[in-house]
Amino acid sequence: MEKIFDAVDIGSLIKKKRKELGMTQAQLADMSGNGVRFISELENGKSTMEVGKVLDTLHVLGFDLFASARGDSL
């Protein structure tokens, strides 16, 4: 499990997983219902991304998202 601090961390996580799966940005865009520009900006850590689209992209890549208060253990 990786700790996420900002949009750059999310973008790096998505890019790493996409590459591990051998997917192009175009393939990920198609599978998640987003555009290639969205995926590119997301992977580059743009901080004003639409959260629903980000969640869709994470889902396609097989991620589950959890939140916990600082100090709580998951």
PDB file of N, CA and C in Angstrom:
ATOM      1  N   MET A   1       0.847  -1.167   0.000  1.00  0.00           N
ATOM      2  CA  MET A   1       0.000   0.000   0.000  1.00  0.00           C
ATOM      3  C   MET A   1       0.898   1.238   0.000  1.00  0.00           C
ATOM      4  N   GLU A   2       0.562   2.178  -0.859  1.00  0.00           N
ATOM      5  CA  GLU A   2       1.348   3.403  -0.958  1.00  0.00           C
ATOM      6  C   GLU A   2       0.585   4.586  -0.390  1.00  0.00           C
ATOM      7  N   LYS A   3       1.278   5.435   0.323  1.00  0.00           N
ATOM      8  CA  LYS A   3       0.671   6.644   0.858  1.00  0.00           C
ATOM      9  C   LYS A   3       0.654   7.697  -0.238  1.00  0.00           C
ATOM     10  N   ILE A   4      -0.500   8.318  -0.415  1.00  0.00           N
ATOM     11  CA  ILE A   4      -0.680   9.341  -1.435  1.00  0.00           C
ATOM     12  C   ILE A   4      -0.724  10.706  -0.745  1.00  0.00           C
ATOM     13  N   PHE A   5       0.145  11.601  -1.200  1.00  0.00           N
ATOM     14  CA  PHE A   5       0.198  12.929  -0.616  1.00  0.00           C
ATOM     15  C   PHE A   5      -0.381  14.012  -1.525  1.00  0.00           C
ATOM     16  N   ASP A   6      -0.328  13.779  -2.840  1.00  0.00           N
ATOM     17  CA  ASP A   6      -0.800  14.813  -3.757  1.00  0.00           C
ATOM     18  C   ASP A   6      -1.113  14.213  -5.129  1.00  0.00           C
ATOM     19  N   ALA A   7      -1.508  15.079  -6.046  1.00  0.00           N
ATOM     20  CA  ALA A   7      -1.889  14.646  -7.395  1.00  0.00           C
ATOM     21  C   ALA A   7      -0.717  14.017  -8.143  1.00  0.00           C
ATOM     22  N   VAL A   8       0.483  14.464  -7.866  1.00  0.00           N
ATOM     23  CA  VAL A   8       1.668  13.891  -8.510  1.00  0.00           C
ATOM     24  C   VAL A   8       1.818  12.422  -8.109  1.00  0.00           C
ATOM     25  N   ASP A   9       1.570  12.112  -6.835  1.00  0.00           N
ATOM     26  CA  ASP A   9       1.651  10.725  -6.364  1.00  0.00           C
ATOM     27  C   ASP A   9       0.616   9.842  -7.063  1.00  0.00           C
ATOM     28  N   ILE A  10      -0.603  10.352  -7.211  1.00  0.00           N
ATOM     29  CA  ILE A  10      -1.646   9.578  -7.902  1.00  0.00           C
ATOM     30  C   ILE A  10      -1.243   9.356  -9.350  1.00  0.00           C
ATOM     31  N   GLY A  11      -0.775  10.406  -9.997  1.00  0.00           N
ATOM     32  CA  GLY A  11      -0.355  10.289 -11.389  1.00  0.00           C
ATOM     33  C   GLY A  11       0.759   9.276 -11.579  1.00  0.00           C
ATOM     34  N   SER A  12       1.735   9.306 -10.691  1.00  0.00           N
ATOM     35  CA  SER A  12       2.858   8.355 -10.771  1.00  0.00           C
ATOM     36  C   SER A  12       2.381   6.927 -10.575  1.00  0.00           C
ATOM     37  N   LEU A  13       1.487   6.734  -9.640  1.00  0.00           N
ATOM     38  CA  LEU A  13       0.927   5.413  -9.376  1.00  0.00           C
ATOM     39  C   LEU A  13       0.198   4.877 -10.605  1.00  0.00           C
ATOM     40  N   ILE A  14      -0.612   5.720 -11.218  1.00  0.00           N
ATOM     41  CA  ILE A  14      -1.378   5.324 -12.401  1.00  0.00           C
ATOM     42  C   ILE A  14      -0.448   5.013 -13.564  1.00  0.00           C
ATOM     43  N   LYS A  15       0.521   5.865 -13.796  1.00  0.00           N
ATOM     44  CA  LYS A  15       1.456   5.650 -14.906  1.00  0.00           C
ATOM     45  C   LYS A  15       2.239   4.350 -14.728  1.00  0.00           C
ATOM     46  N   LYS A  16       2.718   4.118 -13.510  1.00  0.00           N
ATOM     47  CA  LYS A  16       3.484   2.900 -13.215  1.00  0.00           C
ATOM     48  C   LYS A  16       2.641   1.656 -13.480  1.00  0.00           C
ATOM     49  N   LYS A  17       1.410   1.643 -12.988  1.00  0.00           N
ATOM     50  CA  LYS A  17       0.535   0.478 -13.163  1.00  0.00           C
ATOM     51  C   LYS A  17       0.167   0.277 -14.632  1.00  0.00           C
ATOM     52  N   ARG A  18      -0.123   1.367 -15.333  1.00  0.00           N
ATOM     53  CA  ARG A  18      -0.462   1.278 -16.756  1.00  0.00           C
ATOM     54  C   ARG A  18       0.679   0.631 -17.530  1.00  0.00           C
ATOM     55  N   LYS A  19       1.888   1.061 -17.245  1.00  0.00           N
ATOM     56  CA  LYS A  19       3.057   0.501 -17.932  1.00  0.00           C
ATOM     57  C   LYS A  19       3.280  -0.962 -17.557  1.00  0.00           C
ATOM     58  N   GLU A  20       3.076  -1.294 -16.275  1.00  0.00           N
ATOM     59  CA  GLU A  20       3.200  -2.697 -15.841  1.00  0.00           C
ATOM     60  C   GLU A  20       2.232  -3.597 -16.609  1.00  0.00           C
ATOM     61  N   LEU A  21       1.045  -3.055 -16.891  1.00  0.00           N
ATOM     62  CA  LEU A  21       0.024  -3.816 -17.615  1.00  0.00           C
ATOM     63  C   LEU A  21       0.231  -3.785 -19.121  1.00  0.00           C
ATOM     64  N   GLY A  22       1.235  -3.035 -19.581  1.00  0.00           N
ATOM     65  CA  GLY A  22       1.533  -2.957 -21.003  1.00  0.00           C
ATOM     66  C   GLY A  22       0.489  -2.183 -21.793  1.00  0.00           C
ATOM     67  N   MET A  23      -0.144  -1.231 -21.149  1.00  0.00           N
ATOM     68  CA  MET A  23      -1.196  -0.442 -21.799  1.00  0.00           C
ATOM     69  C   MET A  23      -0.646   0.893 -22.268  1.00  0.00           C
ATOM     70  N   THR A  24      -1.209   1.397 -23.356  1.00  0.00           N
ATOM     71  CA  THR A  24      -0.906   2.751 -23.798  1.00  0.00           C
ATOM     72  C   THR A  24      -1.876   3.711 -23.120  1.00  0.00           C
ATOM     73  N   GLN A  25      -1.556   4.983 -23.182  1.00  0.00           N
ATOM     74  CA  GLN A  25      -2.483   5.977 -22.655  1.00  0.00           C
ATOM     75  C   GLN A  25      -3.805   5.917 -23.412  1.00  0.00           C
ATOM     76  N   ALA A  26      -3.740   5.683 -24.714  1.00  0.00           N
ATOM     77  CA  ALA A  26      -4.960   5.600 -25.526  1.00  0.00           C
ATOM     78  C   ALA A  26      -5.832   4.426 -25.089  1.00  0.00           C
ATOM     79  N   GLN A  27      -5.217   3.298 -24.792  1.00  0.00           N
ATOM     80  CA  GLN A  27      -5.982   2.131 -24.333  1.00  0.00           C
ATOM     81  C   GLN A  27      -6.639   2.401 -22.987  1.00  0.00           C
ATOM     82  N   LEU A  28      -5.887   3.004 -22.074  1.00  0.00           N
ATOM     83  CA  LEU A  28      -6.442   3.324 -20.758  1.00  0.00           C
ATOM     84  C   LEU A  28      -7.567   4.351 -20.882  1.00  0.00           C
ATOM     85  N   ALA A  29      -7.376   5.330 -21.736  1.00  0.00           N
ATOM     86  CA  ALA A  29      -8.413   6.333 -21.961  1.00  0.00           C
ATOM     87  C   ALA A  29      -9.695   5.671 -22.456  1.00  0.00           C
ATOM     88  N   ASP A  30      -9.568   4.784 -23.415  1.00  0.00           N
ATOM     89  CA  ASP A  30     -10.730   4.089 -23.970  1.00  0.00           C
ATOM     90  C   ASP A  30     -11.428   3.240 -22.914  1.00  0.00           C
ATOM     91  N   MET A  31     -10.663   2.500 -22.152  1.00  0.00           N
ATOM     92  CA  MET A  31     -11.235   1.596 -21.149  1.00  0.00           C
ATOM     93  C   MET A  31     -11.894   2.347 -19.993  1.00  0.00           C
ATOM     94  N   SER A  32     -11.401   3.541 -19.688  1.00  0.00           N
ATOM     95  CA  SER A  32     -11.937   4.299 -18.559  1.00  0.00           C
ATOM     96  C   SER A  32     -12.969   5.339 -18.988  1.00  0.00           C
ATOM     97  N   GLY A  33     -13.195   5.450 -20.283  1.00  0.00           N
ATOM     98  CA  GLY A  33     -14.171   6.425 -20.769  1.00  0.00           C
ATOM     99  C   GLY A  33     -13.669   7.856 -20.737  1.00  0.00           C
ATOM    100  N   ASN A  34     -12.375   8.012 -20.764  1.00  0.00           N
ATOM    101  CA  ASN A  34     -11.755   9.336 -20.731  1.00  0.00           C
ATOM    102  C   ASN A  34     -10.988   9.578 -22.020  1.00  0.00           C
ATOM    103  N   GLY A  35     -10.501  10.795 -22.189  1.00  0.00           N
ATOM    104  CA  GLY A  35      -9.681  11.117 -23.345  1.00  0.00           C
ATOM    105  C   GLY A  35      -8.207  10.924 -23.043  1.00  0.00           C
ATOM    106  N   VAL A  36      -7.419  10.838 -24.099  1.00  0.00           N
ATOM    107  CA  VAL A  36      -5.971  10.674 -23.941  1.00  0.00           C
ATOM    108  C   VAL A  36      -5.380  11.891 -23.224  1.00  0.00           C
ATOM    109  N   ARG A  37      -5.867  13.068 -23.533  1.00  0.00           N
ATOM    110  CA  ARG A  37      -5.365  14.276 -22.861  1.00  0.00           C
ATOM    111  C   ARG A  37      -5.604  14.193 -21.354  1.00  0.00           C
ATOM    112  N   PHE A  38      -6.778  13.697 -20.957  1.00  0.00           N
ATOM    113  CA  PHE A  38      -7.077  13.540 -19.529  1.00  0.00           C
ATOM    114  C   PHE A  38      -6.061  12.607 -18.881  1.00  0.00           C
ATOM    115  N   ILE A  39      -5.810  11.456 -19.507  1.00  0.00           N
ATOM    116  CA  ILE A  39      -4.857  10.485 -18.945  1.00  0.00           C
ATOM    117  C   ILE A  39      -3.470  11.091 -18.852  1.00  0.00           C
ATOM    118  N   SER A  40      -3.050  11.798 -19.885  1.00  0.00           N
ATOM    119  CA  SER A  40      -1.738  12.441 -19.875  1.00  0.00           C
ATOM    120  C   SER A  40      -1.625  13.449 -18.737  1.00  0.00           C
ATOM    121  N   GLU A  41      -2.630  14.297 -18.589  1.00  0.00           N
ATOM    122  CA  GLU A  41      -2.606  15.296 -17.518  1.00  0.00           C
ATOM    123  C   GLU A  41      -2.662  14.643 -16.143  1.00  0.00           C
ATOM    124  N   LEU A  42      -3.451  13.578 -16.028  1.00  0.00           N
ATOM    125  CA  LEU A  42      -3.545  12.845 -14.769  1.00  0.00           C
ATOM    126  C   LEU A  42      -2.188  12.255 -14.392  1.00  0.00           C
ATOM    127  N   GLU A  43      -1.539  11.599 -15.338  1.00  0.00           N
ATOM    128  CA  GLU A  43      -0.234  10.997 -15.078  1.00  0.00           C
ATOM    129  C   GLU A  43       0.832  12.043 -14.762  1.00  0.00           C
ATOM    130  N   ASN A  44       0.641  13.247 -15.239  1.00  0.00           N
ATOM    131  CA  ASN A  44       1.601  14.325 -14.979  1.00  0.00           C
ATOM    132  C   ASN A  44       1.275  15.118 -13.719  1.00  0.00           C
ATOM    133  N   GLY A  45       0.265  14.666 -12.977  1.00  0.00           N
ATOM    134  CA  GLY A  45      -0.007  15.245 -11.666  1.00  0.00           C
ATOM    135  C   GLY A  45      -0.822  16.519 -11.649  1.00  0.00           C
ATOM    136  N   LYS A  46      -1.606  16.759 -12.702  1.00  0.00           N
ATOM    137  CA  LYS A  46      -2.455  17.954 -12.698  1.00  0.00           C
ATOM    138  C   LYS A  46      -3.396  17.884 -11.496  1.00  0.00           C
ATOM    139  N   SER A  47      -3.460  18.945 -10.731  1.00  0.00           N
ATOM    140  CA  SER A  47      -4.172  18.902  -9.455  1.00  0.00           C
ATOM    141  C   SER A  47      -5.656  19.236  -9.553  1.00  0.00           C
ATOM    142  N   THR A  48      -6.138  19.606 -10.722  1.00  0.00           N
ATOM    143  CA  THR A  48      -7.544  19.997 -10.853  1.00  0.00           C
ATOM    144  C   THR A  48      -8.350  18.989 -11.662  1.00  0.00           C
ATOM    145  N   MET A  49      -8.046  17.712 -11.522  1.00  0.00           N
ATOM    146  CA  MET A  49      -8.727  16.664 -12.273  1.00  0.00           C
ATOM    147  C   MET A  49     -10.081  16.357 -11.635  1.00  0.00           C
ATOM    148  N   GLU A  50     -11.025  15.956 -12.465  1.00  0.00           N
ATOM    149  CA  GLU A  50     -12.361  15.593 -11.985  1.00  0.00           C
ATOM    150  C   GLU A  50     -12.274  14.270 -11.219  1.00  0.00           C
ATOM    151  N   VAL A  51     -12.680  14.277  -9.958  1.00  0.00           N
ATOM    152  CA  VAL A  51     -12.481  13.123  -9.078  1.00  0.00           C
ATOM    153  C   VAL A  51     -13.188  11.866  -9.593  1.00  0.00           C
ATOM    154  N   GLY A  52     -14.368  11.989 -10.152  1.00  0.00           N
ATOM    155  CA  GLY A  52     -15.075  10.822 -10.674  1.00  0.00           C
ATOM    156  C   GLY A  52     -14.299  10.139 -11.777  1.00  0.00           C
ATOM    157  N   LYS A  53     -13.697  10.920 -12.644  1.00  0.00           N
ATOM    158  CA  LYS A  53     -12.906  10.356 -13.743  1.00  0.00           C
ATOM    159  C   LYS A  53     -11.625   9.702 -13.213  1.00  0.00           C
ATOM    160  N   VAL A  54     -11.042  10.314 -12.196  1.00  0.00           N
ATOM    161  CA  VAL A  54      -9.849   9.727 -11.576  1.00  0.00           C
ATOM    162  C   VAL A  54     -10.211   8.371 -10.966  1.00  0.00           C
ATOM    163  N   LEU A  55     -11.336   8.316 -10.260  1.00  0.00           N
ATOM    164  CA  LEU A  55     -11.780   7.059  -9.653  1.00  0.00           C
ATOM    165  C   LEU A  55     -12.064   6.004 -10.708  1.00  0.00           C
ATOM    166  N   ASP A  56     -12.678   6.388 -11.807  1.00  0.00           N
ATOM    167  CA  ASP A  56     -12.925   5.446 -12.912  1.00  0.00           C
ATOM    168  C   ASP A  56     -11.618   4.864 -13.427  1.00  0.00           C
ATOM    169  N   THR A  57     -10.625   5.719 -13.583  1.00  0.00           N
ATOM    170  CA  THR A  57      -9.323   5.284 -14.083  1.00  0.00           C
ATOM    171  C   THR A  57      -8.648   4.335 -13.097  1.00  0.00           C
ATOM    172  N   LEU A  58      -8.686   4.672 -11.815  1.00  0.00           N
ATOM    173  CA  LEU A  58      -8.117   3.784 -10.800  1.00  0.00           C
ATOM    174  C   LEU A  58      -8.811   2.424 -10.810  1.00  0.00           C
ATOM    175  N   HIS A  59     -10.122   2.422 -10.960  1.00  0.00           N
ATOM    176  CA  HIS A  59     -10.894   1.185 -10.995  1.00  0.00           C
ATOM    177  C   HIS A  59     -10.466   0.296 -12.168  1.00  0.00           C
ATOM    178  N   VAL A  60     -10.322   0.888 -13.339  1.00  0.00           N
ATOM    179  CA  VAL A  60      -9.909   0.136 -14.524  1.00  0.00           C
ATOM    180  C   VAL A  60      -8.556  -0.530 -14.302  1.00  0.00           C
ATOM    181  N   LEU A  61      -7.678   0.148 -13.575  1.00  0.00           N
ATOM    182  CA  LEU A  61      -6.342  -0.396 -13.321  1.00  0.00           C
ATOM    183  C   LEU A  61      -6.320  -1.395 -12.171  1.00  0.00           C
ATOM    184  N   GLY A  62      -7.461  -1.601 -11.519  1.00  0.00           N
ATOM    185  CA  GLY A  62      -7.543  -2.600 -10.457  1.00  0.00           C
ATOM    186  C   GLY A  62      -7.248  -2.087  -9.062  1.00  0.00           C
ATOM    187  N   PHE A  63      -7.287  -0.781  -8.881  1.00  0.00           N
ATOM    188  CA  PHE A  63      -7.033  -0.217  -7.558  1.00  0.00           C
ATOM    189  C   PHE A  63      -8.322  -0.093  -6.763  1.00  0.00           C
ATOM    190  N   ASP A  64      -8.223  -0.336  -5.461  1.00  0.00           N
ATOM    191  CA  ASP A  64      -9.274  -0.004  -4.507  1.00  0.00           C
ATOM    192  C   ASP A  64      -8.752   1.191  -3.722  1.00  0.00           C
ATOM    193  N   LEU A  65      -9.620   2.117  -3.426  1.00  0.00           N
ATOM    194  CA  LEU A  65      -9.216   3.324  -2.728  1.00  0.00           C
ATOM    195  C   LEU A  65      -9.740   3.291  -1.294  1.00  0.00           C
ATOM    196  N   PHE A  66      -8.841   3.557  -0.346  1.00  0.00           N
ATOM    197  CA  PHE A  66      -9.192   3.587   1.060  1.00  0.00           C
ATOM    198  C   PHE A  66      -8.763   4.924   1.643  1.00  0.00           C
ATOM    199  N   ALA A  67      -9.446   5.353   2.666  1.00  0.00           N
ATOM    200  CA  ALA A  67      -9.046   6.562   3.380  1.00  0.00           C
ATOM    201  C   ALA A  67      -9.052   6.260   4.868  1.00  0.00           C
ATOM    202  N   SER A  68      -8.102   6.817   5.561  1.00  0.00           N
ATOM    203  CA  SER A  68      -8.065   6.662   7.006  1.00  0.00           C
ATOM    204  C   SER A  68      -7.562   7.958   7.620  1.00  0.00           C
ATOM    205  N   ALA A  69      -7.989   8.199   8.829  1.00  0.00           N
ATOM    206  CA  ALA A  69      -7.501   9.384   9.533  1.00  0.00           C
ATOM    207  C   ALA A  69      -6.038   9.158   9.882  1.00  0.00           C
ATOM    208  N   ARG A  70      -5.247  10.225   9.839  1.00  0.00           N
ATOM    209  CA  ARG A  70      -3.832  10.093  10.186  1.00  0.00           C
ATOM    210  C   ARG A  70      -3.710   9.489  11.577  1.00  0.00           C
ATOM    211  N   GLY A  71      -2.829   8.540  11.699  1.00  0.00           N
ATOM    212  CA  GLY A  71      -2.620   7.886  12.983  1.00  0.00           C
ATOM    213  C   GLY A  71      -3.389   6.570  13.094  1.00  0.00           C
ATOM    214  N   ASP A  72      -4.463   6.417  12.300  1.00  0.00           N
ATOM    215  CA  ASP A  72      -5.200   5.157  12.281  1.00  0.00           C
ATOM    216  C   ASP A  72      -4.436   4.157  11.435  1.00  0.00           C
ATOM    217  N   SER A  73      -4.508   2.911  11.794  1.00  0.00           N
ATOM    218  CA  SER A  73      -3.869   1.898  10.951  1.00  0.00           C
ATOM    219  C   SER A  73      -4.952   1.192  10.138  1.00  0.00           C
ATOM    220  N   LEU A  74      -4.609   0.874   8.911  1.00  0.00           N
ATOM    221  CA  LEU A  74      -5.527   0.172   8.019  1.00  0.00           C
ATOM    222  C   LEU A  74      -5.360  -1.320   8.119  1.00  0.00           C
TER     223      LEU A  74
END
